[in-house]
Amino acid sequence: MKVKFLSTDEVFAMQERLIDCFGGTHGVRDPGILESGTCDYEHLLQWMKNSIKKA
C-alpha cells in the first residue's frame, strides 16, 4: 500500500479553500507546528521501514 503524505503547502491550500467555503479566519497561528506535523509521520514511516530492513 502506498501512502500519500500531504506537503505543508497542500495543507495550507486546503485550509484556504475550506475557509473560503465555510468561513473563518485565514492564516495559521504557528506555521512551524503545522510544518512539523506534516513531516513527522513521513519521517516516522521511513524510519520504521529502515528498521524492519535491518532486523
C-alpha atoms as a PDB file:
ATOM      1  CA  MET A   1       0.000   0.000   0.000  1.00  0.00           C
ATOM      2  CA  LYS A   2       1.399   3.380  -0.993  1.00  0.00           C
ATOM      3  CA  VAL A   3       0.823   6.270   1.388  1.00  0.00           C
ATOM      4  CA  LYS A   4       0.475   9.837   0.071  1.00  0.00           C
ATOM      5  CA  PHE A   5       1.705  12.427   2.533  1.00  0.00           C
ATOM      6  CA  LEU A   6       0.462  15.985   2.132  1.00  0.00           C
ATOM      7  CA  SER A   7       3.015  18.750   1.960  1.00  0.00           C
ATOM      8  CA  THR A   8       2.712  21.818   4.132  1.00  0.00           C
ATOM      9  CA  ASP A   9       1.752  23.844   1.044  1.00  0.00           C
ATOM     10  CA  GLU A  10      -1.037  21.380   0.215  1.00  0.00           C
ATOM     11  CA  VAL A  11      -2.410  21.651   3.754  1.00  0.00           C
ATOM     12  CA  PHE A  12      -2.310  25.465   3.596  1.00  0.00           C
ATOM     13  CA  ALA A  13      -4.140  25.392   0.242  1.00  0.00           C
ATOM     14  CA  MET A  14      -6.814  23.070   1.630  1.00  0.00           C
ATOM     15  CA  GLN A  15      -7.268  25.340   4.635  1.00  0.00           C
ATOM     16  CA  GLU A  16      -7.672  28.392   2.390  1.00  0.00           C
ATOM     17  CA  ARG A  17     -10.350  26.656   0.295  1.00  0.00           C
ATOM     18  CA  LEU A  18     -12.233  25.428   3.359  1.00  0.00           C
ATOM     19  CA  ILE A  19     -12.216  28.866   4.961  1.00  0.00           C
ATOM     20  CA  ASP A  20     -13.417  30.400   1.699  1.00  0.00           C
ATOM     21  CA  CYS A  21     -16.309  27.899   1.600  1.00  0.00           C
ATOM     22  CA  PHE A  22     -17.305  27.780   5.253  1.00  0.00           C
ATOM     23  CA  GLY A  23     -15.890  30.967   6.754  1.00  0.00           C
ATOM     24  CA  GLY A  24     -13.315  31.599   9.388  1.00  0.00           C
ATOM     25  CA  THR A  25     -10.086  33.470   9.861  1.00  0.00           C
ATOM     26  CA  HIS A  26      -7.338  32.955   7.308  1.00  0.00           C
ATOM     27  CA  GLY A  27      -3.866  32.089   8.475  1.00  0.00           C
ATOM     28  CA  VAL A  28      -2.165  29.769  10.920  1.00  0.00           C
ATOM     29  CA  ARG A  29      -1.123  30.792  14.401  1.00  0.00           C
ATOM     30  CA  ASP A  30       2.105  28.750  14.339  1.00  0.00           C
ATOM     31  CA  PRO A  31       3.242  27.586  10.875  1.00  0.00           C
ATOM     32  CA  GLY A  32       6.164  25.713  12.453  1.00  0.00           C
ATOM     33  CA  ILE A  33       3.832  23.331  14.255  1.00  0.00           C
ATOM     34  CA  LEU A  34       1.940  22.627  11.033  1.00  0.00           C
ATOM     35  CA  GLU A  35       5.178  22.008   9.165  1.00  0.00           C
ATOM     36  CA  SER A  36       6.382  19.703  11.907  1.00  0.00           C
ATOM     37  CA  GLY A  37       3.128  17.770  11.807  1.00  0.00           C
ATOM     38  CA  THR A  38       3.233  17.268   8.061  1.00  0.00           C
ATOM     39  CA  CYS A  39       6.821  15.961   8.182  1.00  0.00           C
ATOM     40  CA  ASP A  40       6.808  13.827  11.333  1.00  0.00           C
ATOM     41  CA  TYR A  41       4.718  10.946  10.019  1.00  0.00           C
ATOM     42  CA  GLU A  42       6.626  10.690   6.769  1.00  0.00           C
ATOM     43  CA  HIS A  43       9.918  10.519   8.664  1.00  0.00           C
ATOM     44  CA  LEU A  44       8.496   8.023  11.147  1.00  0.00           C
ATOM     45  CA  LEU A  45       7.313   5.718   8.361  1.00  0.00           C
ATOM     46  CA  GLN A  46      10.697   5.878   6.638  1.00  0.00           C
ATOM     47  CA  TRP A  47      12.465   5.130   9.929  1.00  0.00           C
ATOM     48  CA  MET A  48      10.186   2.144  10.538  1.00  0.00           C
ATOM     49  CA  LYS A  49      10.835   0.768   7.035  1.00  0.00           C
ATOM     50  CA  ASN A  50      14.598   1.090   7.550  1.00  0.00           C
ATOM     51  CA  SER A  51      14.386  -0.574  10.977  1.00  0.00           C
ATOM     52  CA  ILE A  52      12.463  -3.528   9.546  1.00  0.00           C
ATOM     53  CA  LYS A  53      15.018  -3.991   6.732  1.00  0.00           C
ATOM     54  CA  LYS A  54      17.883  -4.087   9.261  1.00  0.00           C
ATOM     55  CA  ALA A  55      16.159  -6.640  11.511  1.00  0.00           C
END
